[in-house]
Protein backbone atom coordinates (compact mmCIF):
# COMPACT_ATOMS: atom_id res chain seq x y z
CA MET A 1 -49.23 12.32 34.74
CA MET A 2 -45.72 11.84 36.61
CA ASN A 3 -42.94 10.51 34.55
CA ARG A 4 -39.44 9.57 34.81
CA ARG A 5 -38.46 13.76 34.19
CA THR A 6 -41.40 14.39 36.75
CA MET A 7 -39.51 12.73 38.67
CA LEU A 8 -35.95 13.76 38.61
CA ILE A 9 -36.68 16.92 38.16
CA GLY A 10 -38.60 17.08 41.71
CA ALA A 11 -35.75 15.05 43.12
CA LEU A 12 -33.03 17.93 42.35
CA ALA A 13 -34.72 20.67 43.39
CA GLY A 14 -35.78 19.07 46.44
CA THR A 15 -38.99 18.29 46.50
CA LEU A 16 -41.57 15.55 48.13
CA VAL A 17 -42.11 13.30 45.39
CA PRO A 18 -45.79 12.07 45.43
CA ALA A 19 -46.99 9.26 47.80
CA THR A 20 -48.96 8.36 43.88
CA ARG A 21 -49.48 8.93 40.70
CA THR A 22 -51.27 9.01 37.90
CA LEU A 23 -51.19 5.30 34.97
CA ALA A 24 -52.39 6.09 31.64
CA ASP A 25 -55.89 4.61 32.28
CA GLY A 26 -56.56 6.95 34.94
CA GLY A 27 -55.56 4.59 38.17
CA MET A 28 -53.44 5.56 40.41
CA SER A 29 -50.50 3.89 41.92
CA ARG A 30 -47.93 4.74 44.54
CA ILE A 31 -44.58 5.18 44.73
CA SER A 32 -42.21 2.61 46.51
CA ALA A 33 -39.27 3.48 48.14
CA TYR A 34 -37.55 1.85 45.29
CA ALA A 35 -37.72 4.99 42.97
CA PHE A 36 -35.45 6.87 44.89
CA SER A 37 -31.14 6.63 45.14
CA PHE A 38 -28.66 7.67 47.23
CA PRO A 39 -25.25 9.30 46.08
CA ALA A 40 -22.64 6.50 48.30
CA LEU A 41 -20.34 7.22 49.73
CA SER A 42 -17.96 5.88 47.51
CA GLY A 43 -19.38 8.64 44.65
CA ASP A 44 -21.61 5.92 42.76
CA ASP A 45 -24.99 6.33 43.57
CA ILE A 46 -27.28 3.68 45.21
CA ARG A 47 -30.68 2.72 42.71
CA LEU A 48 -33.11 1.59 45.14
CA ALA A 49 -34.89 0.18 42.27
CA ALA A 50 -31.70 -2.48 42.38
CA PHE A 51 -33.07 -4.02 44.89
CA THR A 52 -37.05 -3.94 43.83
CA GLY A 53 -38.69 -7.17 45.42
CA ARG A 54 -35.51 -7.52 48.65
CA PRO A 55 -36.81 -5.16 52.67
CA LEU A 56 -34.27 -3.26 52.83
CA LEU A 57 -32.67 -2.23 55.98
CA ILE A 58 -32.93 2.26 55.42
CA VAL A 59 -30.27 3.48 58.31
CA ASN A 60 -29.70 7.00 59.60
CA THR A 61 -26.11 7.09 61.15
CA ALA A 62 -23.96 9.25 62.51
CA SER A 63 -20.02 8.51 63.83
CA LEU A 64 -20.29 10.95 67.11
CA CYS A 65 -23.52 9.46 68.40
CA GLY A 66 -23.89 7.77 70.84
CA TYR A 67 -25.47 5.21 68.81
CA THR A 68 -22.72 4.48 66.70
CA PRO A 69 -21.95 1.07 67.90
CA GLN A 70 -24.99 0.03 66.87
CA TYR A 71 -23.47 -0.05 63.12
CA ALA A 72 -21.44 -3.71 64.23
CA GLY A 73 -25.40 -4.73 64.94
CA LEU A 74 -26.70 -3.55 61.74
CA GLN A 75 -23.28 -4.67 59.93
CA GLU A 76 -24.50 -7.98 62.13
CA ILE A 77 -27.43 -8.78 60.91
CA TRP A 78 -26.53 -7.55 56.89
CA SER A 79 -24.38 -10.83 57.69
CA GLU A 80 -26.94 -12.64 58.76
CA PHE A 81 -30.25 -11.88 56.57
CA ARG A 82 -28.18 -10.17 53.32
CA GLU A 83 -27.83 -13.71 51.69
CA ARG A 84 -31.40 -14.42 51.75
CA GLY A 85 -32.31 -11.01 50.52
CA LEU A 86 -31.83 -8.09 53.10
CA THR A 87 -30.08 -4.61 52.19
CA VAL A 88 -28.84 -2.23 54.65
CA ILE A 89 -28.33 1.20 53.73
CA GLY A 90 -26.62 3.29 55.59
CA VAL A 91 -27.73 7.01 55.98
CA PRO A 92 -25.21 9.49 57.50
CA SER A 93 -25.78 12.51 58.30
CA ASN A 94 -25.21 16.09 60.64
CA ASP A 95 -29.23 16.24 61.59
CA PHE A 96 -29.28 15.15 65.34
CA GLY A 97 -27.21 17.79 67.18
CA GLY A 98 -23.71 17.95 64.80
CA GLN A 99 -22.88 14.42 65.31
CA GLU A 100 -21.63 13.79 61.84
CA PRO A 101 -19.04 16.41 60.91
CA GLY A 102 -16.69 15.16 58.75
CA GLY A 103 -16.91 14.41 55.10
CA THR A 104 -16.28 11.56 53.31
CA SER A 105 -12.94 10.30 54.77
CA GLU A 106 -13.67 11.00 58.15
CA ILE A 107 -17.35 8.73 57.57
CA THR A 108 -15.28 5.92 55.77
CA GLU A 109 -12.69 5.51 58.93
CA THR A 110 -15.58 5.52 61.51
CA ALA A 111 -18.69 3.09 59.74
CA HIS A 112 -15.76 0.79 56.87
CA HIS A 113 -12.59 1.51 59.31
CA GLN A 114 -13.64 1.40 63.28
CA TYR A 115 -16.70 -1.17 63.04
CA GLY A 116 -15.76 -2.99 59.53
CA VAL A 117 -18.54 -2.10 57.69
CA THR A 118 -19.44 -3.75 54.47
CA PHE A 119 -23.23 -2.53 53.53
CA PRO A 120 -23.46 0.19 51.72
CA ILE A 121 -23.31 3.76 52.77
CA ALA A 122 -24.47 6.84 50.98
CA ALA A 123 -23.32 10.23 51.46
CA LYS A 124 -24.10 12.28 54.22
CA THR A 125 -27.55 13.71 53.70
CA THR A 126 -30.34 15.48 55.11
CA VAL A 127 -32.66 13.11 56.64
CA VAL A 128 -35.73 16.22 58.15
CA GLY A 129 -36.86 19.27 57.19
CA ALA A 130 -37.67 21.18 53.76
CA LYS A 131 -34.14 20.06 52.51
CA ALA A 132 -34.08 16.46 53.03
CA HIS A 133 -33.89 14.07 50.29
CA PRO A 134 -36.60 12.60 48.31
CA PHE A 135 -37.31 9.62 50.00
CA TYR A 136 -37.38 11.07 53.43
CA LYS A 137 -40.08 12.65 52.42
CA TRP A 138 -41.68 10.36 50.91
CA ALA A 139 -40.79 8.26 54.01
CA ALA A 140 -42.27 11.25 56.80
CA ASP A 141 -45.64 11.11 54.36
CA ALA A 142 -46.16 7.87 54.65
CA ARG A 143 -45.69 7.88 58.26
CA PRO A 144 -45.82 11.29 60.04
CA ARG A 145 -45.39 10.03 63.36
CA GLU A 146 -42.26 7.84 62.48
CA VAL A 147 -39.94 10.08 61.57
CA PRO A 148 -36.26 10.40 62.83
CA ARG A 149 -35.89 11.97 64.98
CA TRP A 150 -31.99 10.85 66.32
CA ASN A 151 -29.34 9.11 64.97
CA PHE A 152 -30.06 5.90 64.13
CA HIS A 153 -33.42 5.92 62.66
CA LYS A 154 -34.16 2.10 61.01
CA TYR A 155 -37.11 2.06 58.48
CA LEU A 156 -37.53 -1.75 57.35
CA ILE A 157 -38.73 -2.11 53.12
CA GLY A 158 -41.09 -5.33 52.70
CA ARG A 159 -40.45 -6.30 49.92
CA ASP A 160 -43.55 -4.60 48.25
CA GLY A 161 -40.98 -1.29 48.28
CA TYR A 162 -43.16 0.65 51.56
CA ILE A 163 -42.56 0.15 54.62
CA ALA A 164 -43.07 -2.35 56.57
CA GLU A 165 -41.91 -1.34 60.20
CA VAL A 166 -40.39 0.89 62.06
CA PHE A 167 -37.89 0.92 64.65
CA ALA A 168 -36.82 4.19 66.79
CA SER A 169 -33.12 4.84 67.54
CA ALA A 170 -32.98 3.42 71.55
CA VAL A 171 -33.78 -0.10 69.24
CA GLU A 172 -30.65 -2.29 69.12
CA PRO A 173 -30.33 -4.07 65.48
CA THR A 174 -29.47 -6.94 67.03
CA ASP A 175 -32.98 -6.03 68.55
CA THR A 176 -35.22 -9.60 68.06
CA ARG A 177 -38.29 -6.90 67.01
CA ILE A 178 -35.88 -5.62 64.41
CA LYS A 179 -34.13 -9.53 63.51
CA MET A 180 -38.37 -11.16 63.43
CA GLY A 181 -39.29 -7.53 61.51
CA VAL A 182 -36.82 -9.05 58.66
CA ALA A 183 -37.53 -12.10 58.95
CA LYS A 184 -41.09 -11.36 58.39
CA ALA A 185 -39.84 -9.19 55.04
CA LEU A 186 -37.76 -11.80 53.72
CA ALA A 187 -40.62 -14.54 54.12
CA ASP A 188 -43.48 -12.66 52.45
CA SER A 189 -43.86 -12.50 48.35
């Protein structure tokens, strides 16, 4: 039986949290995105459970990437939809091309000062491979053909806590496909 302690131990060990857990009545329940958290760039935690029932746009970011200007589009999406319930979360990663080599101060300079980002930003995180953050392992298990292949890969999590849509790095945050996906996720009950 999967419980919080088992999930925490698995997360700390860097292992994949199973996509399902056994319930007391013997049935199965899928683990949703709301089961995960990220260390925040600010030092706190970004607990996805705090956003239960709200759509999330989770994006792996990098400061020295050709797609880095997408921070501005992510801020625009955040500003447009946050009052309706969307949360955008940036997850800096150095996994692709070594394009996030800096630490907290460099990431802060790029995201907050250069692009004026006000949405939550996680601490630098591994998003692919054996040492990937448990959220990214969960997402890879759920959508094995739609894993991040570069910086600014976008997962749209629906109100139910499961992946509603996935957008490749080249899809701008303000693209109609993303706006329509977000609007649909916000409309779903």
